[in-house]
Amino acid sequence: MASLVTDTRFAAPDDVYQALIDSHRDLTPDQSAMLNAKLILLLANHIGDAEVVAQALAIARKGVM
């Protein structure tokens, strides 16, 4: 069973965060939601492990409810 890696793996995490923020610039709320959905599906496909994706979803949902 694979485990979700939650430790920072980026050399420059602030740059990655800024790129995420910049990708939403000038988008409507609906376009922003679509961008997020597409990004999630692309990254989930890249991970390619349903258990790891499920772990990520569970962790992400905890901060929302």
N, C-alpha and C. Protein backbone atom coordinates (compact mmCIF):
# COMPACT_ATOMS: atom_id res chain seq x y z
N MET A 1 0.84 -1.19 0.00
CA MET A 1 0.00 0.00 0.00
C MET A 1 0.88 1.25 0.00
N ALA A 2 0.63 2.13 -0.93
CA ALA A 2 1.37 3.38 -1.02
C ALA A 2 0.83 4.39 -0.02
N SER A 3 1.68 5.31 0.38
CA SER A 3 1.27 6.36 1.31
C SER A 3 1.48 7.72 0.67
N LEU A 4 0.60 8.62 1.01
CA LEU A 4 0.71 9.99 0.55
C LEU A 4 1.90 10.65 1.22
N VAL A 5 2.74 11.32 0.43
CA VAL A 5 3.87 12.07 0.95
C VAL A 5 3.38 13.48 1.23
N THR A 6 3.49 13.93 2.48
CA THR A 6 3.04 15.28 2.83
C THR A 6 4.18 16.22 3.17
N ASP A 7 5.40 15.71 3.19
CA ASP A 7 6.56 16.56 3.42
C ASP A 7 6.81 17.40 2.17
N THR A 8 7.31 18.62 2.34
CA THR A 8 7.62 19.48 1.21
C THR A 8 8.71 18.84 0.36
N ARG A 9 8.44 18.76 -0.94
CA ARG A 9 9.40 18.16 -1.86
C ARG A 9 9.89 19.17 -2.89
N PHE A 10 9.48 20.42 -2.74
CA PHE A 10 9.88 21.47 -3.68
C PHE A 10 11.09 22.22 -3.15
N ALA A 11 12.00 22.52 -4.05
CA ALA A 11 13.16 23.33 -3.66
C ALA A 11 12.72 24.75 -3.31
N ALA A 12 11.69 25.23 -4.00
CA ALA A 12 11.19 26.60 -3.78
C ALA A 12 9.66 26.54 -3.70
N PRO A 13 9.11 26.09 -2.56
CA PRO A 13 7.66 25.95 -2.44
C PRO A 13 6.89 27.25 -2.64
N ASP A 14 7.46 28.38 -2.25
CA ASP A 14 6.77 29.65 -2.43
C ASP A 14 6.58 29.97 -3.92
N ASP A 15 7.54 29.57 -4.75
CA ASP A 15 7.42 29.78 -6.19
C ASP A 15 6.28 28.95 -6.78
N VAL A 16 6.12 27.73 -6.29
CA VAL A 16 5.04 26.87 -6.75
C VAL A 16 3.70 27.46 -6.32
N TYR A 17 3.62 27.90 -5.08
CA TYR A 17 2.40 28.53 -4.59
C TYR A 17 2.06 29.76 -5.44
N GLN A 18 3.05 30.58 -5.74
CA GLN A 18 2.81 31.78 -6.55
C GLN A 18 2.33 31.40 -7.94
N ALA A 19 2.88 30.34 -8.52
CA ALA A 19 2.42 29.89 -9.84
C ALA A 19 0.95 29.46 -9.79
N LEU A 20 0.56 28.80 -8.70
CA LEU A 20 -0.85 28.42 -8.54
C LEU A 20 -1.74 29.65 -8.45
N ILE A 21 -1.33 30.62 -7.67
CA ILE A 21 -2.10 31.85 -7.53
C ILE A 21 -2.18 32.58 -8.87
N ASP A 22 -1.04 32.68 -9.55
CA ASP A 22 -0.99 33.39 -10.84
C ASP A 22 -1.87 32.73 -11.89
N SER A 23 -1.99 31.41 -11.84
CA SER A 23 -2.79 30.71 -12.85
C SER A 23 -4.28 31.07 -12.75
N HIS A 24 -4.70 31.63 -11.63
CA HIS A 24 -6.11 32.01 -11.44
C HIS A 24 -6.37 33.49 -11.77
N ARG A 25 -5.30 34.22 -12.02
CA ARG A 25 -5.45 35.65 -12.28
C ARG A 25 -6.36 35.89 -13.49
N ASP A 26 -7.25 36.81 -13.36
CA ASP A 26 -8.18 37.24 -14.42
C ASP A 26 -9.22 36.18 -14.79
N LEU A 27 -9.41 35.17 -13.98
CA LEU A 27 -10.44 34.17 -14.23
C LEU A 27 -11.70 34.50 -13.43
N THR A 28 -12.83 34.14 -13.97
CA THR A 28 -14.07 34.25 -13.22
C THR A 28 -14.08 33.14 -12.17
N PRO A 29 -14.96 33.22 -11.18
CA PRO A 29 -15.04 32.12 -10.20
C PRO A 29 -15.31 30.76 -10.86
N ASP A 30 -16.17 30.73 -11.88
CA ASP A 30 -16.44 29.46 -12.57
C ASP A 30 -15.20 28.95 -13.31
N GLN A 31 -14.48 29.85 -13.97
CA GLN A 31 -13.25 29.45 -14.66
C GLN A 31 -12.20 28.96 -13.66
N SER A 32 -12.11 29.63 -12.53
CA SER A 32 -11.17 29.23 -11.48
C SER A 32 -11.50 27.83 -10.96
N ALA A 33 -12.78 27.56 -10.75
CA ALA A 33 -13.19 26.23 -10.30
C ALA A 33 -12.88 25.19 -11.36
N MET A 34 -13.06 25.52 -12.63
CA MET A 34 -12.75 24.59 -13.71
C MET A 34 -11.25 24.31 -13.78
N LEU A 35 -10.45 25.36 -13.62
CA LEU A 35 -9.00 25.18 -13.60
C LEU A 35 -8.60 24.25 -12.46
N ASN A 36 -9.16 24.47 -11.27
CA ASN A 36 -8.86 23.59 -10.13
C ASN A 36 -9.25 22.15 -10.42
N ALA A 37 -10.42 21.94 -11.00
CA ALA A 37 -10.87 20.58 -11.30
C ALA A 37 -9.95 19.91 -12.31
N LYS A 38 -9.56 20.64 -13.35
CA LYS A 38 -8.66 20.08 -14.35
C LYS A 38 -7.30 19.74 -13.74
N LEU A 39 -6.79 20.64 -12.92
CA LEU A 39 -5.50 20.41 -12.28
C LEU A 39 -5.55 19.18 -11.38
N ILE A 40 -6.61 19.06 -10.61
CA ILE A 40 -6.78 17.91 -9.71
C ILE A 40 -6.80 16.62 -10.52
N LEU A 41 -7.57 16.59 -11.60
CA LEU A 41 -7.65 15.38 -12.41
C LEU A 41 -6.31 15.05 -13.08
N LEU A 42 -5.61 16.06 -13.57
CA LEU A 42 -4.29 15.83 -14.17
C LEU A 42 -3.31 15.26 -13.16
N LEU A 43 -3.28 15.86 -11.97
CA LEU A 43 -2.34 15.39 -10.94
C LEU A 43 -2.74 14.02 -10.39
N ALA A 44 -4.04 13.78 -10.25
CA ALA A 44 -4.49 12.46 -9.81
C ALA A 44 -4.09 11.39 -10.82
N ASN A 45 -4.23 11.70 -12.10
CA ASN A 45 -3.81 10.77 -13.14
C ASN A 45 -2.30 10.54 -13.08
N HIS A 46 -1.55 11.60 -12.84
CA HIS A 46 -0.09 11.49 -12.74
C HIS A 46 0.30 10.59 -11.57
N ILE A 47 -0.39 10.74 -10.45
CA ILE A 47 -0.13 9.89 -9.28
C ILE A 47 -0.44 8.45 -9.63
N GLY A 48 -1.58 8.23 -10.25
CA GLY A 48 -1.93 6.90 -10.73
C GLY A 48 -2.21 5.86 -9.68
N ASP A 49 -2.47 6.28 -8.47
CA ASP A 49 -2.74 5.34 -7.37
C ASP A 49 -3.98 5.83 -6.64
N ALA A 50 -5.08 5.09 -6.80
CA ALA A 50 -6.35 5.51 -6.22
C ALA A 50 -6.29 5.65 -4.71
N GLU A 51 -5.51 4.79 -4.05
CA GLU A 51 -5.41 4.87 -2.58
C GLU A 51 -4.72 6.15 -2.14
N VAL A 52 -3.68 6.55 -2.85
CA VAL A 52 -2.97 7.78 -2.52
C VAL A 52 -3.87 8.99 -2.77
N VAL A 53 -4.60 8.97 -3.88
CA VAL A 53 -5.53 10.07 -4.17
C VAL A 53 -6.61 10.14 -3.09
N ALA A 54 -7.11 9.00 -2.65
CA ALA A 54 -8.13 8.96 -1.59
C ALA A 54 -7.57 9.54 -0.29
N GLN A 55 -6.31 9.23 0.02
CA GLN A 55 -5.67 9.80 1.22
C GLN A 55 -5.59 11.32 1.10
N ALA A 56 -5.20 11.80 -0.06
CA ALA A 56 -5.08 13.26 -0.27
C ALA A 56 -6.44 13.93 -0.14
N LEU A 57 -7.46 13.32 -0.72
CA LEU A 57 -8.81 13.89 -0.62
C LEU A 57 -9.27 13.95 0.83
N ALA A 58 -9.02 12.90 1.59
CA ALA A 58 -9.44 12.88 2.99
C ALA A 58 -8.74 13.97 3.79
N ILE A 59 -7.45 14.13 3.58
CA ILE A 59 -6.70 15.17 4.30
C ILE A 59 -7.19 16.55 3.89
N ALA A 60 -7.39 16.78 2.61
CA ALA A 60 -7.85 18.09 2.12
C ALA A 60 -9.23 18.42 2.66
N ARG A 61 -10.10 17.43 2.73
CA ARG A 61 -11.47 17.66 3.21
C ARG A 61 -11.50 18.03 4.69
N LYS A 62 -10.58 17.50 5.48
CA LYS A 62 -10.55 17.81 6.92
C LYS A 62 -10.44 19.31 7.17
N GLY A 63 -9.71 20.01 6.33
CA GLY A 63 -9.52 21.44 6.53
C GLY A 63 -10.68 22.28 6.06
N VAL A 64 -11.68 21.65 5.44
CA VAL A 64 -12.79 22.39 4.87
C VAL A 64 -14.04 22.31 5.73
N MET A 65 -14.20 21.26 6.46
CA MET A 65 -15.44 21.02 7.20
C MET A 65 -15.33 21.54 8.62
